[in-house]
């Protein structure tokens, strides 16, 4: 989990402006993290809402602040679908 958070931080720093959303299977659980740059948050990005949308698909929950959030789920088989839902949420937020 800590590695995924660090990777999201690194990706967001490299992007400069944008949102990094990552998902991983950790054993029998799903973890999704999102980190948004300050400028992306100013344009409407909300990491908490994005990971919540992803986690719901994977049978879980979670959330967080606009700039950083994490969530978990129980259905590892739905990891790709969960990440796609999180990305769709970010796209809807940013228009």
PDB file of N, CA and C in Angstrom:
ATOM      1  N   UNK A   1       0.828  -1.198   0.000  1.00  0.00           N
ATOM      2  CA  UNK A   1       0.000   0.000   0.000  1.00  0.00           C
ATOM      3  C   UNK A   1       0.868   1.255   0.000  1.00  0.00           C
ATOM      4  N   UNK A   2       1.909   1.248   0.805  1.00  0.00           N
ATOM      5  CA  UNK A   2       2.783   2.413   0.859  1.00  0.00           C
ATOM      6  C   UNK A   2       3.490   2.635  -0.472  1.00  0.00           C
ATOM      7  N   UNK A   3       3.862   1.556  -1.135  1.00  0.00           N
ATOM      8  CA  UNK A   3       4.528   1.669  -2.437  1.00  0.00           C
ATOM      9  C   UNK A   3       3.594   2.276  -3.476  1.00  0.00           C
ATOM     10  N   UNK A   4       2.325   1.877  -3.444  1.00  0.00           N
ATOM     11  CA  UNK A   4       1.357   2.421  -4.394  1.00  0.00           C
ATOM     12  C   UNK A   4       1.149   3.921  -4.149  1.00  0.00           C
ATOM     13  N   UNK A   5       1.090   4.315  -2.883  1.00  0.00           N
ATOM     14  CA  UNK A   5       0.956   5.732  -2.556  1.00  0.00           C
ATOM     15  C   UNK A   5       2.168   6.515  -3.051  1.00  0.00           C
ATOM     16  N   UNK A   6       3.353   5.969  -2.817  1.00  0.00           N
ATOM     17  CA  UNK A   6       4.584   6.643  -3.255  1.00  0.00           C
ATOM     18  C   UNK A   6       4.629   6.762  -4.772  1.00  0.00           C
ATOM     19  N   UNK A   7       4.181   5.726  -5.473  1.00  0.00           N
ATOM     20  CA  UNK A   7       4.151   5.765  -6.939  1.00  0.00           C
ATOM     21  C   UNK A   7       3.170   6.820  -7.432  1.00  0.00           C
ATOM     22  N   UNK A   8       2.018   6.927  -6.791  1.00  0.00           N
ATOM     23  CA  UNK A   8       1.045   7.961  -7.169  1.00  0.00           C
ATOM     24  C   UNK A   8       1.636   9.349  -6.953  1.00  0.00           C
ATOM     25  N   UNK A   9       2.335   9.547  -5.839  1.00  0.00           N
ATOM     26  CA  UNK A   9       3.006  10.827  -5.588  1.00  0.00           C
ATOM     27  C   UNK A   9       4.006  11.128  -6.700  1.00  0.00           C
ATOM     28  N   UNK A  10       4.831  10.138  -7.032  1.00  0.00           N
ATOM     29  CA  UNK A  10       5.863  10.316  -8.056  1.00  0.00           C
ATOM     30  C   UNK A  10       5.244  10.642  -9.418  1.00  0.00           C
ATOM     31  N   UNK A  11       4.205   9.893  -9.800  1.00  0.00           N
ATOM     32  CA  UNK A  11       3.553  10.137 -11.087  1.00  0.00           C
ATOM     33  C   UNK A  11       2.933  11.521 -11.151  1.00  0.00           C
ATOM     34  N   UNK A  12       2.290  11.932 -10.085  1.00  0.00           N
ATOM     35  CA  UNK A  12       1.652  13.247 -10.071  1.00  0.00           C
ATOM     36  C   UNK A  12       2.718  14.342 -10.166  1.00  0.00           C
ATOM     37  N   UNK A  13       3.827  14.146  -9.469  1.00  0.00           N
ATOM     38  CA  UNK A  13       4.920  15.122  -9.552  1.00  0.00           C
ATOM     39  C   UNK A  13       5.456  15.201 -10.982  1.00  0.00           C
ATOM     40  N   UNK A  14       5.587  14.060 -11.636  1.00  0.00           N
ATOM     41  CA  UNK A  14       6.096  14.041 -13.015  1.00  0.00           C
ATOM     42  C   UNK A  14       5.109  14.674 -13.989  1.00  0.00           C
ATOM     43  N   UNK A  15       3.811  14.462 -13.740  1.00  0.00           N
ATOM     44  CA  UNK A  15       2.792  15.053 -14.605  1.00  0.00           C
ATOM     45  C   UNK A  15       2.796  16.569 -14.493  1.00  0.00           C
ATOM     46  N   UNK A  16       2.989  17.048 -13.305  1.00  0.00           N
ATOM     47  CA  UNK A  16       2.940  18.485 -13.074  1.00  0.00           C
ATOM     48  C   UNK A  16       1.519  18.990 -12.948  1.00  0.00           C
ATOM     49  N   UNK A  17       0.674  18.610 -13.858  1.00  0.00           N
ATOM     50  CA  UNK A  17      -0.730  19.008 -13.846  1.00  0.00           C
ATOM     51  C   UNK A  17      -1.552  17.807 -14.275  1.00  0.00           C
ATOM     52  N   UNK A  18      -2.329  17.264 -13.358  1.00  0.00           N
ATOM     53  CA  UNK A  18      -3.158  16.120 -13.704  1.00  0.00           C
ATOM     54  C   UNK A  18      -3.482  15.285 -12.491  1.00  0.00           C
ATOM     55  N   UNK A  19      -3.970  14.082 -12.773  1.00  0.00           N
ATOM     56  CA  UNK A  19      -4.379  13.156 -11.724  1.00  0.00           C
ATOM     57  C   UNK A  19      -3.761  11.799 -12.011  1.00  0.00           C
ATOM     58  N   UNK A  20      -3.168  11.204 -11.001  1.00  0.00           N
ATOM     59  CA  UNK A  20      -2.653   9.836 -11.098  1.00  0.00           C
ATOM     60  C   UNK A  20      -3.618   8.938 -10.338  1.00  0.00           C
ATOM     61  N   UNK A  21      -4.134   7.922 -11.005  1.00  0.00           N
ATOM     62  CA  UNK A  21      -5.024   6.952 -10.384  1.00  0.00           C
ATOM     63  C   UNK A  21      -4.412   5.578 -10.615  1.00  0.00           C
ATOM     64  N   UNK A  22      -4.162   4.858  -9.530  1.00  0.00           N
ATOM     65  CA  UNK A  22      -3.528   3.543  -9.619  1.00  0.00           C
ATOM     66  C   UNK A  22      -4.328   2.525  -8.830  1.00  0.00           C
ATOM     67  N   UNK A  23      -4.332   1.311  -9.334  1.00  0.00           N
ATOM     68  CA  UNK A  23      -4.987   0.218  -8.630  1.00  0.00           C
ATOM     69  C   UNK A  23      -4.079  -0.989  -8.581  1.00  0.00           C
ATOM     70  N   UNK A  24      -4.233  -1.781  -7.526  1.00  0.00           N
ATOM     71  CA  UNK A  24      -3.413  -2.979  -7.375  1.00  0.00           C
ATOM     72  C   UNK A  24      -4.189  -4.027  -6.589  1.00  0.00           C
ATOM     73  N   UNK A  25      -3.860  -5.275  -6.872  1.00  0.00           N
ATOM     74  CA  UNK A  25      -4.385  -6.389  -6.085  1.00  0.00           C
ATOM     75  C   UNK A  25      -3.361  -6.696  -5.014  1.00  0.00           C
ATOM     76  N   UNK A  26      -3.785  -6.632  -3.780  1.00  0.00           N
ATOM     77  CA  UNK A  26      -2.930  -6.964  -2.650  1.00  0.00           C
ATOM     78  C   UNK A  26      -3.513  -8.194  -1.979  1.00  0.00           C
ATOM     79  N   UNK A  27      -3.003  -9.350  -2.389  1.00  0.00           N
ATOM     80  CA  UNK A  27      -3.590 -10.594  -1.900  1.00  0.00           C
ATOM     81  C   UNK A  27      -4.988 -10.753  -2.461  1.00  0.00           C
ATOM     82  N   UNK A  28      -5.970 -10.822  -1.578  1.00  0.00           N
ATOM     83  CA  UNK A  28      -7.355 -10.986  -2.009  1.00  0.00           C
ATOM     84  C   UNK A  28      -8.142  -9.684  -1.937  1.00  0.00           C
ATOM     85  N   UNK A  29      -7.433  -8.557  -1.882  1.00  0.00           N
ATOM     86  CA  UNK A  29      -8.095  -7.255  -1.806  1.00  0.00           C
ATOM     87  C   UNK A  29      -7.590  -6.329  -2.902  1.00  0.00           C
ATOM     88  N   UNK A  30      -8.402  -5.336  -3.203  1.00  0.00           N
ATOM     89  CA  UNK A  30      -8.069  -4.306  -4.190  1.00  0.00           C
ATOM     90  C   UNK A  30      -7.740  -3.024  -3.438  1.00  0.00           C
ATOM     91  N   UNK A  31      -6.710  -2.328  -3.891  1.00  0.00           N
ATOM     92  CA  UNK A  31      -6.391  -1.009  -3.359  1.00  0.00           C
ATOM     93  C   UNK A  31      -6.335  -0.037  -4.527  1.00  0.00           C
ATOM     94  N   UNK A  32      -6.987   1.097  -4.381  1.00  0.00           N
ATOM     95  CA  UNK A  32      -6.978   2.150  -5.391  1.00  0.00           C
ATOM     96  C   UNK A  32      -6.548   3.436  -4.701  1.00  0.00           C
ATOM     97  N   UNK A  33      -5.593   4.134  -5.312  1.00  0.00           N
ATOM     98  CA  UNK A  33      -5.156   5.428  -4.796  1.00  0.00           C
ATOM     99  C   UNK A  33      -5.210   6.447  -5.918  1.00  0.00           C
ATOM    100  N   UNK A  34      -5.464   7.700  -5.548  1.00  0.00           N
ATOM    101  CA  UNK A  34      -5.469   8.787  -6.523  1.00  0.00           C
ATOM    102  C   UNK A  34      -4.808   9.998  -5.899  1.00  0.00           C
ATOM    103  N   UNK A  35      -4.049  10.693  -6.712  1.00  0.00           N
ATOM    104  CA  UNK A  35      -3.402  11.936  -6.290  1.00  0.00           C
ATOM    105  C   UNK A  35      -3.608  12.950  -7.404  1.00  0.00           C
ATOM    106  N   UNK A  36      -4.092  14.125  -7.036  1.00  0.00           N
ATOM    107  CA  UNK A  36      -4.360  15.188  -8.007  1.00  0.00           C
ATOM    108  C   UNK A  36      -3.470  16.389  -7.713  1.00  0.00           C
ATOM    109  N   UNK A  37      -2.975  17.007  -8.766  1.00  0.00           N
ATOM    110  CA  UNK A  37      -2.193  18.230  -8.604  1.00  0.00           C
ATOM    111  C   UNK A  37      -3.113  19.354  -8.126  1.00  0.00           C
ATOM    112  N   UNK A  38      -2.506  20.393  -7.566  1.00  0.00           N
ATOM    113  CA  UNK A  38      -3.299  21.538  -7.102  1.00  0.00           C
ATOM    114  C   UNK A  38      -4.109  22.152  -8.238  1.00  0.00           C
ATOM    115  N   UNK A  39      -3.497  22.238  -9.429  1.00  0.00           N
ATOM    116  CA  UNK A  39      -4.213  22.838 -10.557  1.00  0.00           C
ATOM    117  C   UNK A  39      -5.378  21.957 -11.017  1.00  0.00           C
ATOM    118  N   UNK A  40      -5.216  20.635 -10.934  1.00  0.00           N
ATOM    119  CA  UNK A  40      -6.322  19.738 -11.298  1.00  0.00           C
ATOM    120  C   UNK A  40      -7.462  19.868 -10.292  1.00  0.00           C
ATOM    121  N   UNK A  41      -7.124  19.997  -9.016  1.00  0.00           N
ATOM    122  CA  UNK A  41      -8.151  20.192  -7.986  1.00  0.00           C
ATOM    123  C   UNK A  41      -8.889  21.500  -8.244  1.00  0.00           C
ATOM    124  N   UNK A  42      -8.154  22.536  -8.613  1.00  0.00           N
ATOM    125  CA  UNK A  42      -8.775  23.834  -8.905  1.00  0.00           C
ATOM    126  C   UNK A  42      -9.741  23.742 -10.082  1.00  0.00           C
ATOM    127  N   UNK A  43      -9.491  22.799 -11.002  1.00  0.00           N
ATOM    128  CA  UNK A  43     -10.371  22.618 -12.167  1.00  0.00           C
ATOM    129  C   UNK A  43     -11.520  21.659 -11.876  1.00  0.00           C
ATOM    130  N   UNK A  44     -11.567  21.072 -10.674  1.00  0.00           N
ATOM    131  CA  UNK A  44     -12.692  20.220 -10.311  1.00  0.00           C
ATOM    132  C   UNK A  44     -12.369  18.779  -9.999  1.00  0.00           C
ATOM    133  N   UNK A  45     -11.111  18.379 -10.101  1.00  0.00           N
ATOM    134  CA  UNK A  45     -10.748  16.993  -9.788  1.00  0.00           C
ATOM    135  C   UNK A  45     -10.912  16.738  -8.290  1.00  0.00           C
ATOM    136  N   UNK A  46     -11.420  15.558  -7.948  1.00  0.00           N
ATOM    137  CA  UNK A  46     -11.596  15.171  -6.543  1.00  0.00           C
ATOM    138  C   UNK A  46     -11.190  13.710  -6.417  1.00  0.00           C
ATOM    139  N   UNK A  47     -10.003  13.489  -5.881  1.00  0.00           N
ATOM    140  CA  UNK A  47      -9.472  12.129  -5.750  1.00  0.00           C
ATOM    141  C   UNK A  47     -10.394  11.226  -4.927  1.00  0.00           C
ATOM    142  N   UNK A  48     -10.975  11.776  -3.867  1.00  0.00           N
ATOM    143  CA  UNK A  48     -11.860  10.982  -3.010  1.00  0.00           C
ATOM    144  C   UNK A  48     -13.049  10.415  -3.758  1.00  0.00           C
ATOM    145  N   UNK A  49     -13.661  11.234  -4.596  1.00  0.00           N
ATOM    146  CA  UNK A  49     -14.810  10.760  -5.368  1.00  0.00           C
ATOM    147  C   UNK A  49     -14.394   9.744  -6.428  1.00  0.00           C
ATOM    148  N   UNK A  50     -13.207   9.916  -6.983  1.00  0.00           N
ATOM    149  CA  UNK A  50     -12.722   8.977  -8.002  1.00  0.00           C
ATOM    150  C   UNK A  50     -12.453   7.602  -7.405  1.00  0.00           C
ATOM    151  N   UNK A  51     -11.774   7.550  -6.253  1.00  0.00           N
ATOM    152  CA  UNK A  51     -11.491   6.237  -5.666  1.00  0.00           C
ATOM    153  C   UNK A  51     -12.751   5.597  -5.091  1.00  0.00           C
ATOM    154  N   UNK A  52     -13.685   6.415  -4.653  1.00  0.00           N
ATOM    155  CA  UNK A  52     -14.961   5.870  -4.164  1.00  0.00           C
ATOM    156  C   UNK A  52     -15.699   5.160  -5.299  1.00  0.00           C
ATOM    157  N   UNK A  53     -15.716   5.784  -6.481  1.00  0.00           N
ATOM    158  CA  UNK A  53     -16.364   5.164  -7.644  1.00  0.00           C
ATOM    159  C   UNK A  53     -15.674   3.853  -8.001  1.00  0.00           C
ATOM    160  N   UNK A  54     -14.348   3.836  -7.935  1.00  0.00           N
ATOM    161  CA  UNK A  54     -13.593   2.625  -8.247  1.00  0.00           C
ATOM    162  C   UNK A  54     -13.867   1.533  -7.222  1.00  0.00           C
ATOM    163  N   UNK A  55     -13.844   1.892  -5.966  1.00  0.00           N
ATOM    164  CA  UNK A  55     -14.025   0.903  -4.903  1.00  0.00           C
ATOM    165  C   UNK A  55     -15.413   0.272  -4.934  1.00  0.00           C
ATOM    166  N   UNK A  56     -16.412   1.041  -5.273  1.00  0.00           N
ATOM    167  CA  UNK A  56     -17.770   0.508  -5.334  1.00  0.00           C
ATOM    168  C   UNK A  56     -17.857  -0.628  -6.351  1.00  0.00           C
ATOM    169  N   UNK A  57     -17.165  -0.489  -7.468  1.00  0.00           N
ATOM    170  CA  UNK A  57     -17.161  -1.535  -8.495  1.00  0.00           C
ATOM    171  C   UNK A  57     -16.512  -2.812  -7.956  1.00  0.00           C
ATOM    172  N   UNK A  58     -15.489  -2.643  -7.118  1.00  0.00           N
ATOM    173  CA  UNK A  58     -14.755  -3.792  -6.584  1.00  0.00           C
ATOM    174  C   UNK A  58     -15.335  -4.289  -5.262  1.00  0.00           C
ATOM    175  N   UNK A  59     -16.524  -3.838  -4.903  1.00  0.00           N
ATOM    176  CA  UNK A  59     -17.186  -4.327  -3.705  1.00  0.00           C
ATOM    177  C   UNK A  59     -16.634  -3.760  -2.417  1.00  0.00           C
ATOM    178  N   UNK A  60     -16.234  -2.502  -2.455  1.00  0.00           N
ATOM    179  CA  UNK A  60     -15.669  -1.902  -1.252  1.00  0.00           C
ATOM    180  C   UNK A  60     -16.067  -0.466  -1.102  1.00  0.00           C
ATOM    181  N   UNK A  61     -15.230   0.286  -0.408  1.00  0.00           N
ATOM    182  CA  UNK A  61     -15.507   1.685  -0.172  1.00  0.00           C
ATOM    183  C   UNK A  61     -14.255   2.416   0.237  1.00  0.00           C
ATOM    184  N   UNK A  62     -14.418   3.681   0.442  1.00  0.00           N
ATOM    185  CA  UNK A  62     -13.306   4.527   0.843  1.00  0.00           C
ATOM    186  C   UNK A  62     -13.489   5.898   0.251  1.00  0.00           C
ATOM    187  N   UNK A  63     -12.480   6.700   0.399  1.00  0.00           N
ATOM    188  CA  UNK A  63     -12.543   8.052  -0.124  1.00  0.00           C
ATOM    189  C   UNK A  63     -11.424   8.870   0.454  1.00  0.00           C
ATOM    190  N   UNK A  64     -11.601  10.165   0.414  1.00  0.00           N
ATOM    191  CA  UNK A  64     -10.559  11.036   0.932  1.00  0.00           C
ATOM    192  C   UNK A  64     -10.727  12.445   0.446  1.00  0.00           C
ATOM    193  N   UNK A  65      -9.643  13.155   0.498  1.00  0.00           N
ATOM    194  CA  UNK A  65      -9.629  14.568   0.146  1.00  0.00           C
ATOM    195  C   UNK A  65      -9.526  14.743  -1.370  1.00  0.00           C
ATOM    196  N   UNK A  66      -9.744  15.967  -1.834  1.00  0.00           N
ATOM    197  CA  UNK A  66      -9.607  16.217  -3.276  1.00  0.00           C
ATOM    198  C   UNK A  66      -8.206  15.928  -3.812  1.00  0.00           C
ATOM    199  N   UNK A  67      -7.170  16.218  -3.026  1.00  0.00           N
ATOM    200  CA  UNK A  67      -5.800  16.057  -3.518  1.00  0.00           C
ATOM    201  C   UNK A  67      -5.273  14.629  -3.403  1.00  0.00           C
ATOM    202  N   UNK A  68      -5.741  13.860  -2.420  1.00  0.00           N
ATOM    203  CA  UNK A  68      -5.261  12.487  -2.260  1.00  0.00           C
ATOM    204  C   UNK A  68      -6.322  11.640  -1.588  1.00  0.00           C
ATOM    205  N   UNK A  69      -6.444  10.398  -2.063  1.00  0.00           N
ATOM    206  CA  UNK A  69      -7.417   9.487  -1.467  1.00  0.00           C
ATOM    207  C   UNK A  69      -7.028   8.050  -1.749  1.00  0.00           C
ATOM    208  N   UNK A  70      -7.550   7.152  -0.913  1.00  0.00           N
ATOM    209  CA  UNK A  70      -7.377   5.730  -1.158  1.00  0.00           C
ATOM    210  C   UNK A  70      -8.654   4.997  -0.783  1.00  0.00           C
ATOM    211  N   UNK A  71      -8.851   3.860  -1.418  1.00  0.00           N
ATOM    212  CA  UNK A  71     -10.036   3.048  -1.158  1.00  0.00           C
ATOM    213  C   UNK A  71      -9.689   1.601  -1.411  1.00  0.00           C
ATOM    214  N   UNK A  72     -10.512   0.729  -0.885  1.00  0.00           N
ATOM    215  CA  UNK A  72     -10.280  -0.696  -1.057  1.00  0.00           C
ATOM    216  C   UNK A  72     -11.526  -1.419  -1.491  1.00  0.00           C
ATOM    217  N   UNK A  73     -11.316  -2.617  -2.004  1.00  0.00           N
ATOM    218  CA  UNK A  73     -12.416  -3.468  -2.429  1.00  0.00           C
ATOM    219  C   UNK A  73     -12.089  -4.926  -2.160  1.00  0.00           C
ATOM    220  N   UNK A  74     -13.095  -5.762  -2.312  1.00  0.00           N
ATOM    221  CA  UNK A  74     -12.935  -7.185  -2.005  1.00  0.00           C
ATOM    222  C   UNK A  74     -12.882  -8.084  -3.231  1.00  0.00           C
ATOM    223  N   UNK A  75     -13.197  -7.567  -4.412  1.00  0.00           N
ATOM    224  CA  UNK A  75     -13.287  -8.406  -5.607  1.00  0.00           C
ATOM    225  C   UNK A  75     -12.127  -8.109  -6.555  1.00  0.00           C
ATOM    226  N   UNK A  76     -11.043  -8.870  -6.405  1.00  0.00           N
ATOM    227  CA  UNK A  76      -9.836  -8.664  -7.206  1.00  0.00           C
ATOM    228  C   UNK A  76     -10.116  -8.850  -8.698  1.00  0.00           C
ATOM    229  N   UNK A  77     -11.067  -9.692  -9.040  1.00  0.00           N
ATOM    230  CA  UNK A  77     -11.396  -9.936 -10.439  1.00  0.00           C
ATOM    231  C   UNK A  77     -11.928  -8.679 -11.127  1.00  0.00           C
ATOM    232  N   UNK A  78     -12.372  -7.703 -10.360  1.00  0.00           N
ATOM    233  CA  UNK A  78     -12.932  -6.474 -10.936  1.00  0.00           C
ATOM    234  C   UNK A  78     -11.951  -5.306 -10.893  1.00  0.00           C
ATOM    235  N   UNK A  79     -10.665  -5.585 -10.694  1.00  0.00           N
ATOM    236  CA  UNK A  79      -9.675  -4.516 -10.584  1.00  0.00           C
ATOM    237  C   UNK A  79      -9.663  -3.611 -11.814  1.00  0.00           C
ATOM    238  N   UNK A  80      -9.572  -4.187 -13.000  1.00  0.00           N
ATOM    239  CA  UNK A  80      -9.519  -3.377 -14.225  1.00  0.00           C
ATOM    240  C   UNK A  80     -10.797  -2.552 -14.385  1.00  0.00           C
ATOM    241  N   UNK A  81     -11.931  -3.154 -14.115  1.00  0.00           N
ATOM    242  CA  UNK A  81     -13.209  -2.441 -14.208  1.00  0.00           C
ATOM    243  C   UNK A  81     -13.275  -1.315 -13.171  1.00  0.00           C
ATOM    244  N   UNK A  82     -12.728  -1.558 -11.986  1.00  0.00           N
ATOM    245  CA  UNK A  82     -12.714  -0.547 -10.929  1.00  0.00           C
ATOM    246  C   UNK A  82     -11.857   0.650 -11.336  1.00  0.00           C
ATOM    247  N   UNK A  83     -10.662   0.385 -11.872  1.00  0.00           N
ATOM    248  CA  UNK A  83      -9.789   1.476 -12.315  1.00  0.00           C
ATOM    249  C   UNK A  83     -10.463   2.258 -13.434  1.00  0.00           C
ATOM    250  N   UNK A  84     -11.121   1.567 -14.347  1.00  0.00           N
ATOM    251  CA  UNK A  84     -11.831   2.258 -15.440  1.00  0.00           C
ATOM    252  C   UNK A  84     -12.923   3.161 -14.878  1.00  0.00           C
ATOM    253  N   UNK A  85     -13.622   2.716 -13.845  1.00  0.00           N
ATOM    254  CA  UNK A  85     -14.664   3.546 -13.222  1.00  0.00           C
ATOM    255  C   UNK A  85     -14.050   4.778 -12.566  1.00  0.00           C
ATOM    256  N   UNK A  86     -12.902   4.613 -11.930  1.00  0.00           N
ATOM    257  CA  UNK A  86     -12.219   5.752 -11.326  1.00  0.00           C
ATOM    258  C   UNK A  86     -11.774   6.755 -12.371  1.00  0.00           C
ATOM    259  N   UNK A  87     -11.248   6.257 -13.482  1.00  0.00           N
ATOM    260  CA  UNK A  87     -10.834   7.149 -14.575  1.00  0.00           C
ATOM    261  C   UNK A  87     -12.030   7.867 -15.182  1.00  0.00           C
ATOM    262  N   UNK A  88     -13.147   7.172 -15.323  1.00  0.00           N
ATOM    263  CA  UNK A  88     -14.354   7.793 -15.861  1.00  0.00           C
ATOM    264  C   UNK A  88     -14.826   8.911 -14.923  1.00  0.00           C
ATOM    265  N   UNK A  89     -14.706   8.690 -13.627  1.00  0.00           N
ATOM    266  CA  UNK A  89     -15.105   9.725 -12.658  1.00  0.00           C
ATOM    267  C   UNK A  89     -14.215  10.955 -12.816  1.00  0.00           C
ATOM    268  N   UNK A  90     -12.908  10.736 -12.991  1.00  0.00           N
ATOM    269  CA  UNK A  90     -11.991  11.870 -13.163  1.00  0.00           C
ATOM    270  C   UNK A  90     -12.308  12.620 -14.455  1.00  0.00           C
ATOM    271  N   UNK A  91     -12.556  11.890 -15.526  1.00  0.00           N
ATOM    272  CA  UNK A  91     -12.901  12.536 -16.791  1.00  0.00           C
ATOM    273  C   UNK A  91     -14.168  13.369 -16.654  1.00  0.00           C
ATOM    274  N   UNK A  92     -15.158  12.853 -15.942  1.00  0.00           N
ATOM    275  CA  UNK A  92     -16.408  13.593 -15.744  1.00  0.00           C
ATOM    276  C   UNK A  92     -16.161  14.851 -14.902  1.00  0.00           C
ATOM    277  N   UNK A  93     -15.286  14.742 -13.915  1.00  0.00           N
ATOM    278  CA  UNK A  93     -14.988  15.904 -13.068  1.00  0.00           C
ATOM    279  C   UNK A  93     -14.299  17.013 -13.859  1.00  0.00           C
ATOM    280  N   UNK A  94     -13.400  16.618 -14.747  1.00  0.00           N
ATOM    281  CA  UNK A  94     -12.609  17.609 -15.479  1.00  0.00           C
ATOM    282  C   UNK A  94     -13.248  18.026 -16.802  1.00  0.00           C
ATOM    283  N   UNK A  95     -14.322  17.328 -17.167  1.00  0.00           N
ATOM    284  CA  UNK A  95     -15.035  17.696 -18.388  1.00  0.00           C
ATOM    285  C   UNK A  95     -14.326  17.247 -19.589  1.00  0.00           C
TER     286      UNK A  95
END
